[in-house]
Structure formats: structure tokens, C-alpha cells
Amino acid sequence: MRRTFPRIPFERYADDAICHCRTRQEAEHLKAVLEKRLAACHLTLHSQKTQVVYCKDSNRRGTHPQVHFTFLGFTFRPRMAKNRWGKLFTCFLPAVS
């Protein structure tokens, strides 16, 4: 990842990973490249766990069919929060699943 996609930050734990892409096209391209690389090693991506998720919040108001995911026992999804002045806004936060 660091050599081929240095601008895409990622987290990995055992056989699970999260890649932070800037656009849906970048995410779909990365997914295709990873599928090809794993196939060369006779491995496959888990079809139910591998997904492109839109991290929706107050600044990202687009629509996407998938806006939540679970990673290491935490569900990441849009949640309401208050800023320091008490104003409500939407942010993408984890909580124990």
C-alpha cells in the first residue's frame, strides 16, 4: 500500500483493513487492484465484508447506499454531536456494536 498507493491512508488489524479514499472512483479502483493482487496469491476478498462506504457528515452531504460499517467491534456511522457552543451537527463516529 505505501509503495503503490502512498496517498491512501489505511489501518490494518490481522486480516481486516480500512482504506481511506477521497472519491468513490478511487475506492473502486483500489478495490479492483486489491482483488487482482490477492488473486495472484490465490486469495480472495470477503464478499460480505468488502464494501465501499460513504462517511457522511455535516460537510459531506452526498448520498450513497452504504453509510456504515463495523470494524473490530465498533460500528462507524453518522451520529449527532454538539459543538462547544451547543449546536448540533452530524459527524462520522464509532460506537461499540
C-alpha atoms as a PDB file:
ATOM      1  CA  MET A   1       0.000   0.000   0.000  1.00  0.00           C
ATOM      2  CA  ARG A   2       2.686   2.513   0.970  1.00  0.00           C
ATOM      3  CA  ARG A   3       4.635   1.888  -2.223  1.00  0.00           C
ATOM      4  CA  THR A   4       1.765   1.680  -4.734  1.00  0.00           C
ATOM      5  CA  PHE A   5      -0.836   3.955  -3.085  1.00  0.00           C
ATOM      6  CA  PRO A   6       1.100   6.301  -0.759  1.00  0.00           C
ATOM      7  CA  ARG A   7      -1.713   8.901  -0.644  1.00  0.00           C
ATOM      8  CA  ILE A   8      -4.326   6.428   0.681  1.00  0.00           C
ATOM      9  CA  PRO A   9      -4.068   6.072   4.472  1.00  0.00           C
ATOM     10  CA  PHE A  10      -5.122   2.702   5.856  1.00  0.00           C
ATOM     11  CA  GLU A  11      -5.488   0.742   9.081  1.00  0.00           C
ATOM     12  CA  ARG A  12      -4.926  -2.982   9.310  1.00  0.00           C
ATOM     13  CA  TYR A  13      -5.608  -5.494  12.056  1.00  0.00           C
ATOM     14  CA  ALA A  14      -4.902  -9.161  11.312  1.00  0.00           C
ATOM     15  CA  ASP A  15      -6.804  -9.849   8.064  1.00  0.00           C
ATOM     16  CA  ASP A  16      -9.069  -6.754   8.256  1.00  0.00           C
ATOM     17  CA  ALA A  17      -8.244  -3.344   6.796  1.00  0.00           C
ATOM     18  CA  ILE A  18      -9.799   0.066   6.182  1.00  0.00           C
ATOM     19  CA  CYS A  19      -8.567   2.261   3.326  1.00  0.00           C
ATOM     20  CA  HIS A  20      -9.459   5.973   3.321  1.00  0.00           C
ATOM     21  CA  CYS A  21     -10.086   7.029  -0.273  1.00  0.00           C
ATOM     22  CA  ARG A  22     -11.039  10.533  -1.347  1.00  0.00           C
ATOM     23  CA  THR A  23     -13.511   9.591  -4.089  1.00  0.00           C
ATOM     24  CA  ARG A  24     -15.730   6.666  -4.978  1.00  0.00           C
ATOM     25  CA  GLN A  25     -13.757   6.183  -8.202  1.00  0.00           C
ATOM     26  CA  GLU A  26     -10.527   5.957  -6.218  1.00  0.00           C
ATOM     27  CA  ALA A  27     -12.133   3.404  -3.883  1.00  0.00           C
ATOM     28  CA  GLU A  28     -13.453   1.257  -6.749  1.00  0.00           C
ATOM     29  CA  HIS A  29     -10.045   1.363  -8.473  1.00  0.00           C
ATOM     30  CA  LEU A  30      -8.268   0.347  -5.252  1.00  0.00           C
ATOM     31  CA  LYS A  31     -10.731  -2.494  -4.714  1.00  0.00           C
ATOM     32  CA  ALA A  32     -10.099  -3.805  -8.262  1.00  0.00           C
ATOM     33  CA  VAL A  33      -6.313  -3.599  -7.800  1.00  0.00           C
ATOM     34  CA  LEU A  34      -6.507  -5.395  -4.437  1.00  0.00           C
ATOM     35  CA  GLU A  35      -8.698  -8.150  -5.918  1.00  0.00           C
ATOM     36  CA  LYS A  36      -6.164  -8.661  -8.711  1.00  0.00           C
ATOM     37  CA  ARG A  37      -3.203  -8.694  -6.286  1.00  0.00           C
ATOM     38  CA  LEU A  38      -4.870 -11.161  -3.927  1.00  0.00           C
ATOM     39  CA  ALA A  39      -5.889 -13.399  -6.845  1.00  0.00           C
ATOM     40  CA  ALA A  40      -2.205 -13.637  -7.781  1.00  0.00           C
ATOM     41  CA  CYS A  41      -1.653 -15.086  -4.282  1.00  0.00           C
ATOM     42  CA  HIS A  42      -4.660 -17.444  -4.648  1.00  0.00           C
ATOM     43  CA  LEU A  43      -6.675 -15.379  -2.147  1.00  0.00           C
ATOM     44  CA  THR A  44      -9.994 -13.517  -2.407  1.00  0.00           C
ATOM     45  CA  LEU A  45     -11.661 -10.565  -0.716  1.00  0.00           C
ATOM     46  CA  HIS A  46     -14.574 -11.475   1.563  1.00  0.00           C
ATOM     47  CA  SER A  47     -17.630 -10.513  -0.496  1.00  0.00           C
ATOM     48  CA  GLN A  48     -19.802  -9.534   2.504  1.00  0.00           C
ATOM     49  CA  LYS A  49     -17.089  -7.655   4.406  1.00  0.00           C
ATOM     50  CA  THR A  50     -15.572  -5.801   1.453  1.00  0.00           C
ATOM     51  CA  GLN A  51     -17.560  -2.656   0.750  1.00  0.00           C
ATOM     52  CA  VAL A  52     -17.265   0.978  -0.273  1.00  0.00           C
ATOM     53  CA  VAL A  53     -18.742   3.159   2.476  1.00  0.00           C
ATOM     54  CA  TYR A  54     -19.545   6.878   2.292  1.00  0.00           C
ATOM     55  CA  CYS A  55     -18.524   8.647   5.514  1.00  0.00           C
ATOM     56  CA  LYS A  56     -21.478  11.023   5.629  1.00  0.00           C
ATOM     57  CA  ASP A  57     -21.355  14.027   7.950  1.00  0.00           C
ATOM     58  CA  SER A  58     -22.364  17.701   8.013  1.00  0.00           C
ATOM     59  CA  ASN A  59     -19.682  18.576   5.441  1.00  0.00           C
ATOM     60  CA  ARG A  60     -20.280  15.543   3.178  1.00  0.00           C
ATOM     61  CA  ARG A  61     -23.957  15.551   2.293  1.00  0.00           C
ATOM     62  CA  GLY A  62     -23.929  13.253  -0.738  1.00  0.00           C
ATOM     63  CA  THR A  63     -25.939  10.061  -0.991  1.00  0.00           C
ATOM     64  CA  HIS A  64     -24.645   6.522  -1.118  1.00  0.00           C
ATOM     65  CA  PRO A  65     -26.366   3.209  -0.391  1.00  0.00           C
ATOM     66  CA  GLN A  66     -23.791   2.247   2.278  1.00  0.00           C
ATOM     67  CA  VAL A  67     -23.077   4.747   5.088  1.00  0.00           C
ATOM     68  CA  HIS A  68     -21.967   2.499   7.967  1.00  0.00           C
ATOM     69  CA  PHE A  69     -19.568  -0.354   8.684  1.00  0.00           C
ATOM     70  CA  THR A  70     -18.300  -2.434  11.598  1.00  0.00           C
ATOM     71  CA  PHE A  71     -14.587  -2.787  12.347  1.00  0.00           C
ATOM     72  CA  LEU A  72     -13.105  -4.505  15.412  1.00  0.00           C
ATOM     73  CA  GLY A  73     -16.408  -4.481  17.289  1.00  0.00           C
ATOM     74  CA  PHE A  74     -17.211  -0.823  16.619  1.00  0.00           C
ATOM     75  CA  THR A  75     -19.913   0.439  14.279  1.00  0.00           C
ATOM     76  CA  PHE A  76     -18.916   3.577  12.391  1.00  0.00           C
ATOM     77  CA  ARG A  77     -21.866   5.632  11.139  1.00  0.00           C
ATOM     78  CA  PRO A  78     -23.216   9.193  11.000  1.00  0.00           C
ATOM     79  CA  ARG A  79     -24.131  10.349  14.508  1.00  0.00           C
ATOM     80  CA  MET A  80     -25.357  13.600  16.018  1.00  0.00           C
ATOM     81  CA  ALA A  81     -22.914  15.554  18.196  1.00  0.00           C
ATOM     82  CA  LYS A  82     -22.739  19.012  19.794  1.00  0.00           C
ATOM     83  CA  ASN A  83     -20.004  21.520  19.198  1.00  0.00           C
ATOM     84  CA  ARG A  84     -18.599  23.678  22.021  1.00  0.00           C
ATOM     85  CA  TRP A  85     -21.397  26.234  21.549  1.00  0.00           C
ATOM     86  CA  GLY A  86     -24.139  23.588  21.862  1.00  0.00           C
ATOM     87  CA  LYS A  87     -25.028  23.488  18.166  1.00  0.00           C
ATOM     88  CA  LEU A  88     -25.926  20.038  16.803  1.00  0.00           C
ATOM     89  CA  PHE A  89     -24.115  18.657  13.768  1.00  0.00           C
ATOM     90  CA  THR A  90     -23.596  15.281  12.117  1.00  0.00           C
ATOM     91  CA  CYS A  91     -20.225  13.566  12.294  1.00  0.00           C
ATOM     92  CA  PHE A  92     -18.985  10.085  11.389  1.00  0.00           C
ATOM     93  CA  LEU A  93     -18.204   8.403  14.717  1.00  0.00           C
ATOM     94  CA  PRO A  94     -17.709   4.904  16.138  1.00  0.00           C
ATOM     95  CA  ALA A  95     -19.639   3.268  18.965  1.00  0.00           C
ATOM     96  CA  VAL A  96     -19.495  -0.207  20.447  1.00  0.00           C
ATOM     97  CA  SER A  97     -21.620  -2.510  18.304  1.00  0.00           C
END
